[in-house]
C-alpha cells in the first residue's frame, strides 16, 4: 500500500445503534488504491450499496466511507445466503499532499471510486529555460 493513503481501522465488525430494530455490524469493504497521473484512485467494493446508501465523510486529514446495504424486502426470509448482512465502514488517513478540496466520488455497480488528487504544489512541473 502506498504510504500516502493509509488505513486506520482494523478489519473487524463493530456495533453501532442507528435506531434500527436490530443492530447490524460493520465490515470493511475490500479496496484497491492505485496511483494515477494526478493523484490516487481508491476503489471500494460494496455490493448491495446504492448511491443513496453511501456516505463519504472528510474530517481533517481522515476520510471515512460508509455504505448502508439495502434491507431485504419486508417479510422476506433468505433461503440461502453467502454475503454478510452488515453495512460497510472504513477510514483512511490522508497525506497532506492530497488536495482534500478536490476529492470526487462516484458509485458504479456496487463499487465506490474516490479520486484523490495531488495538490498542485507537489505535482511535478516542467520549468522552461530561457
Protein backbone atom coordinates (compact mmCIF):
# COMPACT_ATOMS: atom_id res chain seq x y z
CA UNK A 1 0.00 0.00 0.00
CA UNK A 2 1.20 3.45 -0.80
CA UNK A 3 2.32 5.46 2.22
CA UNK A 4 0.28 8.46 1.05
CA UNK A 5 -3.05 6.79 1.82
CA UNK A 6 -3.01 4.56 4.88
CA UNK A 7 -5.78 2.56 6.51
CA UNK A 8 -6.53 3.44 10.13
CA UNK A 9 -9.23 0.94 11.05
CA UNK A 10 -8.77 -2.72 11.88
CA UNK A 11 -10.64 -5.34 9.87
CA UNK A 12 -13.29 -6.38 12.35
CA UNK A 13 -17.02 -5.79 12.65
CA UNK A 14 -18.25 -3.35 15.28
CA UNK A 15 -21.71 -2.43 16.53
CA UNK A 16 -23.40 0.94 16.23
CA UNK A 17 -27.01 1.70 17.09
CA UNK A 18 -28.68 3.69 14.34
CA UNK A 19 -32.20 3.38 15.79
CA UNK A 20 -32.93 0.26 13.77
CA UNK A 21 -34.97 -2.62 15.12
CA UNK A 22 -31.84 -4.76 15.09
CA UNK A 23 -28.24 -3.75 15.19
CA UNK A 24 -26.07 -4.58 12.21
CA UNK A 25 -22.31 -4.79 12.49
CA UNK A 26 -19.83 -3.05 10.21
CA UNK A 27 -17.46 -4.85 7.89
CA UNK A 28 -14.60 -3.29 5.95
CA UNK A 29 -15.01 -3.20 2.19
CA UNK A 30 -12.16 -4.53 0.08
CA UNK A 31 -10.23 -1.69 -1.55
CA UNK A 32 -7.66 -1.10 -4.26
CA UNK A 33 -5.58 2.07 -4.28
CA UNK A 34 -3.63 2.96 -7.40
CA UNK A 35 -1.50 5.95 -8.29
CA UNK A 36 -2.68 7.76 -11.39
CA UNK A 37 -1.21 10.74 -13.26
CA UNK A 38 -2.53 13.50 -10.98
CA UNK A 39 -3.18 11.63 -7.73
CA UNK A 40 -4.65 8.39 -6.46
CA UNK A 41 -7.75 6.35 -7.19
CA UNK A 42 -9.38 4.38 -4.39
CA UNK A 43 -11.86 1.66 -5.38
CA UNK A 44 -14.01 0.16 -2.61
CA UNK A 45 -16.21 -2.87 -3.28
CA UNK A 46 -19.57 -2.53 -1.52
CA UNK A 47 -22.12 -4.91 -3.06
CA UNK A 48 -25.70 -4.13 -2.13
CA UNK A 49 -25.00 -0.42 -1.55
CA UNK A 50 -26.65 2.19 -3.75
CA UNK A 51 -25.67 5.82 -4.17
CA UNK A 52 -28.40 6.75 -1.68
CA UNK A 53 -26.92 4.43 0.98
CA UNK A 54 -23.44 5.89 0.69
CA UNK A 55 -21.71 8.49 2.87
CA UNK A 56 -18.21 9.87 2.40
CA UNK A 57 -17.05 11.96 5.34
CA UNK A 58 -13.91 14.10 5.45
CA UNK A 59 -12.64 15.42 8.76
CA UNK A 60 -9.20 17.00 8.95
CA UNK A 61 -6.95 14.51 7.15
CA UNK A 62 -9.18 11.43 7.64
CA UNK A 63 -11.72 10.18 5.12
CA UNK A 64 -14.41 7.69 6.15
CA UNK A 65 -16.62 5.76 3.78
CA UNK A 66 -19.90 4.28 5.00
CA UNK A 67 -22.13 2.11 2.84
CA UNK A 68 -25.54 1.01 4.08
CA UNK A 69 -26.88 -2.08 2.36
CA UNK A 70 -30.46 -2.08 1.17
CA UNK A 71 -32.58 -4.20 3.52
CA UNK A 72 -34.35 -7.35 2.37
CA UNK A 73 -37.95 -6.92 1.31
CA UNK A 74 -40.32 -6.67 4.29
CA UNK A 75 -41.48 -10.08 5.44
CA UNK A 76 -38.95 -11.95 3.31
CA UNK A 77 -36.57 -14.55 4.69
CA UNK A 78 -33.37 -15.56 2.89
CA UNK A 79 -33.34 -19.20 1.81
CA UNK A 80 -29.60 -19.25 1.19
CA UNK A 81 -27.08 -16.50 1.79
CA UNK A 82 -23.30 -16.23 1.43
CA UNK A 83 -22.88 -12.49 1.94
CA UNK A 84 -22.71 -10.59 5.21
CA UNK A 85 -25.84 -8.89 6.48
CA UNK A 86 -23.70 -5.96 7.55
CA UNK A 87 -23.06 -2.42 6.42
CA UNK A 88 -19.62 -1.21 5.32
CA UNK A 89 -17.30 1.24 7.02
CA UNK A 90 -13.64 2.08 6.52
CA UNK A 91 -11.40 5.04 7.35
CA UNK A 92 -8.18 6.25 5.79
CA UNK A 93 -5.65 8.83 6.88
CA UNK A 94 -4.71 11.10 4.00
CA UNK A 95 -1.28 12.53 3.39
CA UNK A 96 -1.12 16.36 3.34
CA UNK A 97 -0.05 16.18 -0.33
CA UNK A 98 -3.66 15.29 -1.27
CA UNK A 99 -5.87 18.25 -2.18
CA UNK A 100 -8.90 17.42 0.00
CA UNK A 101 -10.94 20.24 -1.55
CA UNK A 102 -10.92 18.48 -4.92
CA UNK A 103 -11.78 14.90 -3.89
CA UNK A 104 -14.58 13.44 -6.01
CA UNK A 105 -16.66 10.29 -5.58
CA UNK A 106 -18.84 8.17 -7.82
CA UNK A 107 -20.65 4.86 -7.33
CA UNK A 108 -20.94 2.32 -10.15
CA UNK A 109 -22.33 -1.22 -9.82
CA UNK A 110 -21.56 -1.52 -6.11
CA UNK A 111 -18.05 -0.05 -6.41
CA UNK A 112 -17.15 3.34 -4.94
CA UNK A 113 -14.49 5.29 -6.85
CA UNK A 114 -12.77 8.08 -4.90
CA UNK A 115 -10.44 10.34 -6.86
CA UNK A 116 -7.80 11.79 -4.55
CA UNK A 117 -5.91 14.50 -6.47
CA UNK A 118 -2.44 15.64 -5.53
CA UNK A 119 -2.06 19.27 -4.52
CA UNK A 120 -0.56 21.47 -7.23
CA UNK A 121 2.49 22.20 -5.07
CA UNK A 122 3.57 18.52 -5.06
CA UNK A 123 2.89 17.76 -8.74
CA UNK A 124 5.93 17.68 -10.97
CA UNK A 125 6.12 20.60 -13.35
CA UNK A 126 8.27 21.49 -16.27
CA UNK A 127 10.41 24.58 -15.95
CA UNK A 128 11.20 26.46 -19.12
CA UNK A 129 14.75 27.50 -19.75
CA UNK A 130 15.38 30.98 -21.20
